[in-house]
Amino acid sequence: MFDHEEIHEWLLKTIRLVVDHPEEVSIDAIPGDDRTTFRIKASPSDRGKVIGRQGRTSQSLRVLAGAMGKKFNWRFVVEIEEVNKSL
């Protein structure tokens, strides 16, 4: 199994620099057979900042994580968790 802690820390620090409420950002690392999925949770008001205009910020994070995965011969998947709103 691959140790993904360095990538997890990089992703967490990067996202915390973008949002208004960095203390509310958390990332769950879900290991798999050939990949690690990072599920990002942020404040509902910061979710748009993590995604970016037309998804550019989230796509950039995915591209960089993919490039890091190539270096380690591993696959990193970045997901942004949906916020469930109760009505």
C-alpha atoms as a PDB file:
ATOM      1  CA  MET A   1       0.000   0.000   0.000  1.00  0.00           C
ATOM      2  CA  PHE A   2       1.191   3.479  -0.845  1.00  0.00           C
ATOM      3  CA  ASP A   3       1.822   6.085   1.860  1.00  0.00           C
ATOM      4  CA  HIS A   4      -0.219   9.087   0.740  1.00  0.00           C
ATOM      5  CA  GLU A   5       0.433  11.390   3.719  1.00  0.00           C
ATOM      6  CA  GLU A   6       2.674  13.824   1.821  1.00  0.00           C
ATOM      7  CA  ILE A   7       0.067  14.342  -0.916  1.00  0.00           C
ATOM      8  CA  HIS A   8      -2.682  14.675   1.705  1.00  0.00           C
ATOM      9  CA  GLU A   9      -0.769  17.434   3.522  1.00  0.00           C
ATOM     10  CA  TRP A  10      -0.013  19.291   0.266  1.00  0.00           C
ATOM     11  CA  LEU A  11      -3.665  19.192  -0.768  1.00  0.00           C
ATOM     12  CA  LEU A  12      -4.865  20.348   2.665  1.00  0.00           C
ATOM     13  CA  LYS A  13      -2.419  23.280   2.800  1.00  0.00           C
ATOM     14  CA  THR A  14      -3.266  24.349  -0.748  1.00  0.00           C
ATOM     15  CA  ILE A  15      -7.024  24.351  -0.187  1.00  0.00           C
ATOM     16  CA  ARG A  16      -6.704  26.165   3.134  1.00  0.00           C
ATOM     17  CA  LEU A  17      -4.902  29.005   1.319  1.00  0.00           C
ATOM     18  CA  VAL A  18      -7.875  29.472  -1.028  1.00  0.00           C
ATOM     19  CA  VAL A  19     -10.851  29.445   1.362  1.00  0.00           C
ATOM     20  CA  ASP A  20     -12.177  31.971   3.894  1.00  0.00           C
ATOM     21  CA  HIS A  21     -12.675  29.396   6.682  1.00  0.00           C
ATOM     22  CA  PRO A  22      -9.550  27.191   6.605  1.00  0.00           C
ATOM     23  CA  GLU A  23     -10.355  25.628   9.978  1.00  0.00           C
ATOM     24  CA  GLU A  24     -13.428  23.963   8.451  1.00  0.00           C
ATOM     25  CA  VAL A  25     -11.518  22.197   5.669  1.00  0.00           C
ATOM     26  CA  SER A  26     -10.909  18.489   6.053  1.00  0.00           C
ATOM     27  CA  ILE A  27      -9.828  15.776   3.666  1.00  0.00           C
ATOM     28  CA  ASP A  28     -10.586  12.090   3.989  1.00  0.00           C
ATOM     29  CA  ALA A  29      -8.116   9.758   2.297  1.00  0.00           C
ATOM     30  CA  ILE A  30      -9.774   6.584   1.083  1.00  0.00           C
ATOM     31  CA  PRO A  31      -7.205   3.992  -0.015  1.00  0.00           C
ATOM     32  CA  GLY A  32      -7.996   1.478  -2.732  1.00  0.00           C
ATOM     33  CA  ASP A  33      -6.213  -1.300  -4.575  1.00  0.00           C
ATOM     34  CA  ASP A  34      -4.574   0.957  -7.168  1.00  0.00           C
ATOM     35  CA  ARG A  35      -5.566   4.459  -6.083  1.00  0.00           C
ATOM     36  CA  THR A  36      -6.167   6.815  -3.200  1.00  0.00           C
ATOM     37  CA  THR A  37      -9.260   9.000  -3.259  1.00  0.00           C
ATOM     38  CA  PHE A  38      -9.114  12.316  -1.436  1.00  0.00           C
ATOM     39  CA  ARG A  39     -12.594  13.568  -0.475  1.00  0.00           C
ATOM     40  CA  ILE A  40     -12.542  17.294   0.316  1.00  0.00           C
ATOM     41  CA  LYS A  41     -15.013  18.769   2.801  1.00  0.00           C
ATOM     42  CA  ALA A  42     -15.285  22.538   3.203  1.00  0.00           C
ATOM     43  CA  SER A  43     -17.706  25.096   4.554  1.00  0.00           C
ATOM     44  CA  PRO A  44     -20.739  25.546   2.267  1.00  0.00           C
ATOM     45  CA  SER A  45     -19.721  29.173   1.707  1.00  0.00           C
ATOM     46  CA  ASP A  46     -16.220  28.078   0.615  1.00  0.00           C
ATOM     47  CA  ARG A  47     -17.278  25.260  -1.674  1.00  0.00           C
ATOM     48  CA  GLY A  48     -17.399  27.586  -4.687  1.00  0.00           C
ATOM     49  CA  LYS A  49     -13.852  28.725  -4.012  1.00  0.00           C
ATOM     50  CA  VAL A  50     -12.619  25.137  -3.960  1.00  0.00           C
ATOM     51  CA  ILE A  51     -14.366  24.450  -7.273  1.00  0.00           C
ATOM     52  CA  GLY A  52     -13.428  27.769  -8.891  1.00  0.00           C
ATOM     53  CA  ARG A  53     -14.846  29.458 -11.958  1.00  0.00           C
ATOM     54  CA  GLN A  54     -16.103  26.827 -14.371  1.00  0.00           C
ATOM     55  CA  GLY A  55     -14.346  24.220 -12.223  1.00  0.00           C
ATOM     56  CA  ARG A  56     -10.851  25.492 -12.997  1.00  0.00           C
ATOM     57  CA  THR A  57      -9.490  25.300  -9.449  1.00  0.00           C
ATOM     58  CA  SER A  58     -10.756  21.771  -8.834  1.00  0.00           C
ATOM     59  CA  GLN A  59      -9.534  20.660 -12.263  1.00  0.00           C
ATOM     60  CA  SER A  60      -6.079  22.098 -11.526  1.00  0.00           C
ATOM     61  CA  LEU A  61      -5.948  20.201  -8.230  1.00  0.00           C
ATOM     62  CA  ARG A  62      -6.884  17.001 -10.075  1.00  0.00           C
ATOM     63  CA  VAL A  63      -4.212  17.537 -12.735  1.00  0.00           C
ATOM     64  CA  LEU A  64      -1.492  18.191 -10.148  1.00  0.00           C
ATOM     65  CA  ALA A  65      -2.554  15.190  -8.047  1.00  0.00           C
ATOM     66  CA  GLY A  66      -2.486  13.059 -11.199  1.00  0.00           C
ATOM     67  CA  ALA A  67       1.013  14.258 -12.032  1.00  0.00           C
ATOM     68  CA  MET A  68       2.189  13.406  -8.516  1.00  0.00           C
ATOM     69  CA  GLY A  69       0.623   9.991  -8.890  1.00  0.00           C
ATOM     70  CA  LYS A  70       2.669   9.342 -12.030  1.00  0.00           C
ATOM     71  CA  LYS A  71       5.837  10.016 -10.038  1.00  0.00           C
ATOM     72  CA  PHE A  72       4.873   7.362  -7.469  1.00  0.00           C
ATOM     73  CA  ASN A  73       3.227   4.990  -9.979  1.00  0.00           C
ATOM     74  CA  TRP A  74      -0.061   5.437  -8.133  1.00  0.00           C
ATOM     75  CA  ARG A  75      -3.381   7.109  -8.909  1.00  0.00           C
ATOM     76  CA  PHE A  76      -4.762   9.993  -6.860  1.00  0.00           C
ATOM     77  CA  VAL A  77      -8.413  10.988  -7.270  1.00  0.00           C
ATOM     78  CA  VAL A  78      -9.699  14.300  -5.900  1.00  0.00           C
ATOM     79  CA  GLU A  79     -13.417  14.653  -5.093  1.00  0.00           C
ATOM     80  CA  ILE A  80     -15.336  17.545  -3.560  1.00  0.00           C
ATOM     81  CA  GLU A  81     -18.057  16.388  -1.225  1.00  0.00           C
ATOM     82  CA  GLU A  82     -21.558  17.635  -1.869  1.00  0.00           C
ATOM     83  CA  VAL A  83     -23.229  19.543   0.938  1.00  0.00           C
ATOM     84  CA  ASN A  84     -26.662  18.200   1.858  1.00  0.00           C
ATOM     85  CA  LYS A  85     -29.034  21.042   2.686  1.00  0.00           C
ATOM     86  CA  SER A  86     -32.094  20.317   4.765  1.00  0.00           C
ATOM     87  CA  LEU A  87     -35.165  22.283   3.879  1.00  0.00           C
END
